[in-house]
Amino acid sequence: MMELLKIEEFAQTKAGGTPSTTVSEYWKNGNIPWLNSGALNQGVVKSTSKFITKLGLEESSTKLMPPDTILIALTGATTGVIGYLTFEACANQSVVGILPSKRHFPNIIIYILGLDYY
């Protein structure tokens, strides 16, 4: 018999955030990958063109998400788009991540949520 659980019962979630774009120290020469919700259109997210600095990470609400995180776009034109993160990265506030846990298989959750990349 299959047991239905809420995501919060088997995995952690993290919401993204955006460091202020008016503070150059948050962006200039950054090396921490940062995604906007449009990156989820890749399906399997393998790259990004934007990076923030360690200071940008520390002084904003964005959070690092590990590889194997399932990403869901929350707002805007990409609402409901699902992606699979293949590298450690941060995301903006329009993205929530379902972090990997020992109790789930990302490909099964992605299938249930409707992404057909597996």
Protein backbone atom coordinates (compact mmCIF):
# COMPACT_ATOMS: atom_id res chain seq x y z
CA MET A 1 0.00 0.00 0.00
CA MET A 2 1.34 3.40 -0.95
CA GLU A 3 1.59 6.00 1.79
CA LEU A 4 0.84 9.59 0.80
CA LEU A 5 2.97 12.20 2.52
CA LYS A 6 3.31 15.95 2.38
CA ILE A 7 6.68 17.08 1.02
CA GLU A 8 7.55 18.55 4.42
CA GLU A 9 7.18 15.07 5.95
CA PHE A 10 10.09 13.60 3.97
CA ALA A 11 12.23 16.48 2.71
CA GLN A 12 13.33 20.02 3.51
CA THR A 13 12.43 22.94 1.31
CA LYS A 14 14.33 26.16 0.72
CA ALA A 15 13.11 29.32 -0.92
CA GLY A 16 15.39 31.48 -2.95
CA GLY A 17 16.19 35.16 -2.75
CA THR A 18 17.92 37.89 -4.69
CA PRO A 19 20.84 39.92 -3.37
CA SER A 20 20.33 43.62 -4.01
CA THR A 21 21.30 44.41 -7.58
CA THR A 22 22.35 47.91 -6.50
CA VAL A 23 25.20 46.54 -4.36
CA SER A 24 28.00 45.64 -6.76
CA GLU A 25 29.87 43.70 -4.05
CA TYR A 26 27.07 41.11 -4.17
CA TRP A 27 27.58 40.42 -7.89
CA LYS A 28 30.94 41.62 -9.21
CA ASN A 29 33.38 38.72 -9.63
CA GLY A 30 30.91 36.33 -8.03
CA ASN A 31 31.58 32.61 -8.23
CA ILE A 32 28.46 31.15 -6.56
CA PRO A 33 25.93 30.00 -9.17
CA TRP A 34 22.60 31.85 -8.95
CA LEU A 35 19.48 30.98 -10.93
CA ASN A 36 16.40 32.91 -11.91
CA SER A 37 13.18 30.98 -12.49
CA GLY A 38 13.75 31.01 -16.25
CA ALA A 39 16.65 28.59 -15.75
CA LEU A 40 14.11 25.90 -14.89
CA ASN A 41 13.10 25.83 -18.55
CA GLN A 42 16.23 23.71 -19.03
CA GLY A 43 14.40 20.86 -17.25
CA VAL A 44 17.63 19.33 -16.06
CA VAL A 45 19.49 22.45 -14.90
CA LYS A 46 23.14 22.06 -15.89
CA SER A 47 24.35 25.65 -16.03
CA THR A 48 23.72 29.27 -15.21
CA SER A 49 25.07 32.54 -16.52
CA LYS A 50 24.69 34.47 -13.25
CA PHE A 51 26.85 34.34 -10.16
CA ILE A 52 26.85 36.05 -6.78
CA THR A 53 29.61 36.63 -4.25
CA LYS A 54 29.95 35.08 -0.81
CA LEU A 55 28.87 38.45 0.64
CA GLY A 56 25.77 38.40 -1.56
CA LEU A 57 24.92 34.94 -0.23
CA GLU A 58 25.51 35.93 3.40
CA GLU A 59 23.59 39.22 3.28
CA SER A 60 20.51 38.11 1.36
CA SER A 61 17.73 35.58 1.81
CA THR A 62 19.02 33.26 -0.91
CA LYS A 63 20.20 29.82 0.16
CA LEU A 64 22.58 27.27 -1.36
CA MET A 65 20.83 24.18 -2.66
CA PRO A 66 22.74 20.94 -3.27
CA PRO A 67 22.80 18.83 -6.43
CA ASP A 68 19.71 16.61 -6.81
CA THR A 69 17.42 19.39 -5.58
CA ILE A 70 14.05 19.56 -7.30
CA LEU A 71 13.24 23.16 -8.23
CA ILE A 72 9.75 24.59 -8.70
CA ALA A 73 9.00 28.05 -10.11
CA LEU A 74 6.45 29.84 -7.95
CA THR A 75 5.54 33.02 -9.83
CA GLY A 76 5.50 34.79 -13.16
CA ALA A 77 5.64 33.32 -16.64
CA THR A 78 7.36 30.18 -15.36
CA THR A 79 4.87 29.36 -12.58
CA GLY A 80 4.74 25.60 -12.11
CA VAL A 81 7.82 24.82 -14.18
CA ILE A 82 9.89 22.07 -12.56
CA GLY A 83 13.64 21.59 -12.83
CA TYR A 84 16.27 19.22 -11.52
CA LEU A 85 19.48 20.82 -10.20
CA THR A 86 22.72 19.04 -11.10
CA PHE A 87 25.13 21.34 -9.23
CA GLU A 88 25.18 23.45 -6.05
CA ALA A 89 23.46 26.78 -6.64
CA CYS A 90 21.25 29.53 -5.24
CA ALA A 91 18.03 30.78 -6.80
CA ASN A 92 15.82 33.83 -6.72
CA GLN A 93 12.68 34.25 -4.62
CA SER A 94 10.50 32.84 -7.41
CA VAL A 95 12.02 29.40 -6.89
CA VAL A 96 11.62 26.85 -4.12
CA GLY A 97 13.83 23.80 -3.81
CA ILE A 98 12.90 20.36 -2.50
CA LEU A 99 16.20 19.17 -1.07
CA PRO A 100 17.29 15.57 -1.43
CA SER A 101 16.73 13.29 1.52
CA LYS A 102 17.33 9.63 2.27
CA ARG A 103 13.57 9.03 2.14
CA HIS A 104 12.89 9.92 -1.49
CA PHE A 105 14.06 9.42 -5.02
CA PRO A 106 14.14 12.69 -6.96
CA ASN A 107 13.14 11.04 -10.23
CA ILE A 108 9.95 9.65 -8.65
CA ILE A 109 8.96 13.04 -7.20
CA ILE A 110 9.68 14.72 -10.53
CA TYR A 111 7.50 12.13 -12.26
CA ILE A 112 4.67 12.68 -9.77
CA LEU A 113 4.93 16.46 -10.19
CA GLY A 114 4.71 16.06 -13.93
CA LEU A 115 8.18 16.62 -15.34
CA ASP A 116 8.95 14.18 -18.13
CA TYR A 117 12.74 14.44 -18.33
CA TYR A 118 13.37 11.00 -16.80
